[in-house]
Amino acid sequence: MGKLYCAMTITLLISTYPYLYPSISRLYNEDILLMFLFLITPFVLTPFLAYRILFIKGLSTICLNRSTQKIY
């Protein structure tokens, strides 16, 4: 999931920002909200990545029982 997220983020950066490069300074000076939206666009999928990390972490717990010396 992390590799997919990184690949999608890099693809989004490579495909979106070069088209805006010539006029990017004018856009940032005119509209602060637009600048903020451009900066947070690659991080849209971050909540899904955090969910997957927590989900996998919950599935991979190791329980050690000292009395029977078993690993569950």
C-alpha atoms as a PDB file:
ATOM      1  CA  MET A   1       0.000   0.000   0.000  1.00  0.00           C
ATOM      2  CA  GLY A   2       2.836   2.364   0.778  1.00  0.00           C
ATOM      3  CA  LYS A   3       4.424   1.733  -2.615  1.00  0.00           C
ATOM      4  CA  LEU A   4       1.111   2.377  -4.338  1.00  0.00           C
ATOM      5  CA  TYR A   5       0.615   5.595  -2.385  1.00  0.00           C
ATOM      6  CA  CYS A   6       4.120   6.809  -3.217  1.00  0.00           C
ATOM      7  CA  ALA A   7       3.689   5.932  -6.893  1.00  0.00           C
ATOM      8  CA  MET A   8       0.363   7.740  -7.085  1.00  0.00           C
ATOM      9  CA  THR A   9       1.765  10.798  -5.309  1.00  0.00           C
ATOM     10  CA  ILE A  10       4.785  11.003  -7.599  1.00  0.00           C
ATOM     11  CA  THR A  11       2.590  10.512 -10.674  1.00  0.00           C
ATOM     12  CA  LEU A  12       0.263  13.257  -9.517  1.00  0.00           C
ATOM     13  CA  LEU A  13       3.185  15.609  -8.911  1.00  0.00           C
ATOM     14  CA  ILE A  14       4.811  14.848 -12.261  1.00  0.00           C
ATOM     15  CA  SER A  15       1.576  15.123 -14.231  1.00  0.00           C
ATOM     16  CA  THR A  16       0.078  18.183 -12.543  1.00  0.00           C
ATOM     17  CA  TYR A  17       2.778  20.640 -11.560  1.00  0.00           C
ATOM     18  CA  PRO A  18       4.692  21.020 -14.877  1.00  0.00           C
ATOM     19  CA  TYR A  19       1.571  22.393 -16.561  1.00  0.00           C
ATOM     20  CA  LEU A  20       1.262  25.021 -13.868  1.00  0.00           C
ATOM     21  CA  TYR A  21       4.931  25.979 -13.687  1.00  0.00           C
ATOM     22  CA  PRO A  22       4.897  29.027 -16.011  1.00  0.00           C
ATOM     23  CA  SER A  23       2.037  30.694 -14.186  1.00  0.00           C
ATOM     24  CA  ILE A  24       2.544  29.294 -10.705  1.00  0.00           C
ATOM     25  CA  SER A  25       3.949  32.480  -9.193  1.00  0.00           C
ATOM     26  CA  ARG A  26       0.987  34.507 -10.421  1.00  0.00           C
ATOM     27  CA  LEU A  27      -1.458  31.926  -9.065  1.00  0.00           C
ATOM     28  CA  TYR A  28       0.132  31.952  -5.631  1.00  0.00           C
ATOM     29  CA  ASN A  29       0.096  35.741  -5.433  1.00  0.00           C
ATOM     30  CA  GLU A  30      -3.538  35.998  -6.522  1.00  0.00           C
ATOM     31  CA  ASP A  31      -5.227  33.279  -4.522  1.00  0.00           C
ATOM     32  CA  ILE A  32      -3.939  31.843  -1.258  1.00  0.00           C
ATOM     33  CA  LEU A  33      -6.674  29.181  -1.113  1.00  0.00           C
ATOM     34  CA  LEU A  34      -5.658  27.850  -4.520  1.00  0.00           C
ATOM     35  CA  MET A  35      -2.040  27.645  -3.367  1.00  0.00           C
ATOM     36  CA  PHE A  36      -3.108  25.677  -0.298  1.00  0.00           C
ATOM     37  CA  LEU A  37      -5.184  23.271  -2.412  1.00  0.00           C
ATOM     38  CA  PHE A  38      -2.266  22.646  -4.778  1.00  0.00           C
ATOM     39  CA  LEU A  39       0.017  21.913  -1.857  1.00  0.00           C
ATOM     40  CA  ILE A  40      -2.304  19.413  -0.140  1.00  0.00           C
ATOM     41  CA  THR A  41      -3.491  17.607  -3.305  1.00  0.00           C
ATOM     42  CA  PRO A  42      -0.833  14.840  -3.133  1.00  0.00           C
ATOM     43  CA  PHE A  43      -1.807  14.057   0.461  1.00  0.00           C
ATOM     44  CA  VAL A  44      -5.469  13.267  -0.240  1.00  0.00           C
ATOM     45  CA  LEU A  45      -4.932   9.524   0.213  1.00  0.00           C
ATOM     46  CA  THR A  46      -3.057   9.824   3.520  1.00  0.00           C
ATOM     47  CA  PRO A  47      -6.075   8.845   5.694  1.00  0.00           C
ATOM     48  CA  PHE A  48      -6.478   5.623   3.709  1.00  0.00           C
ATOM     49  CA  LEU A  49      -2.797   4.830   4.167  1.00  0.00           C
ATOM     50  CA  ALA A  50      -3.077   5.422   7.918  1.00  0.00           C
ATOM     51  CA  TYR A  51      -6.143   3.161   8.050  1.00  0.00           C
ATOM     52  CA  ARG A  52      -4.297   0.348   6.260  1.00  0.00           C
ATOM     53  CA  ILE A  53      -1.273   0.672   8.545  1.00  0.00           C
ATOM     54  CA  LEU A  54      -3.447   0.468  11.656  1.00  0.00           C
ATOM     55  CA  PHE A  55      -5.492  -2.404  10.178  1.00  0.00           C
ATOM     56  CA  ILE A  56      -2.400  -4.471   9.347  1.00  0.00           C
ATOM     57  CA  LYS A  57      -0.848  -3.643  12.712  1.00  0.00           C
ATOM     58  CA  GLY A  58      -3.991  -4.941  14.440  1.00  0.00           C
ATOM     59  CA  LEU A  59      -3.852  -8.200  12.491  1.00  0.00           C
ATOM     60  CA  SER A  60      -0.206  -8.911  13.211  1.00  0.00           C
ATOM     61  CA  THR A  61      -0.062  -8.997  16.978  1.00  0.00           C
ATOM     62  CA  ILE A  62       2.035 -11.666  18.676  1.00  0.00           C
ATOM     63  CA  CYS A  63       0.817 -12.923  22.039  1.00  0.00           C
ATOM     64  CA  LEU A  64       3.272 -14.763  24.247  1.00  0.00           C
ATOM     65  CA  ASN A  65       1.885 -16.964  27.006  1.00  0.00           C
ATOM     66  CA  ARG A  66       4.605 -17.503  29.608  1.00  0.00           C
ATOM     67  CA  SER A  67       2.846 -20.290  31.492  1.00  0.00           C
ATOM     68  CA  THR A  68       2.417 -22.562  28.455  1.00  0.00           C
ATOM     69  CA  GLN A  69       5.268 -21.003  26.450  1.00  0.00           C
ATOM     70  CA  LYS A  70       3.139 -20.788  23.309  1.00  0.00           C
ATOM     71  CA  ILE A  71       2.996 -18.105  20.674  1.00  0.00           C
ATOM     72  CA  TYR A  72      -0.496 -17.303  19.446  1.00  0.00           C
END
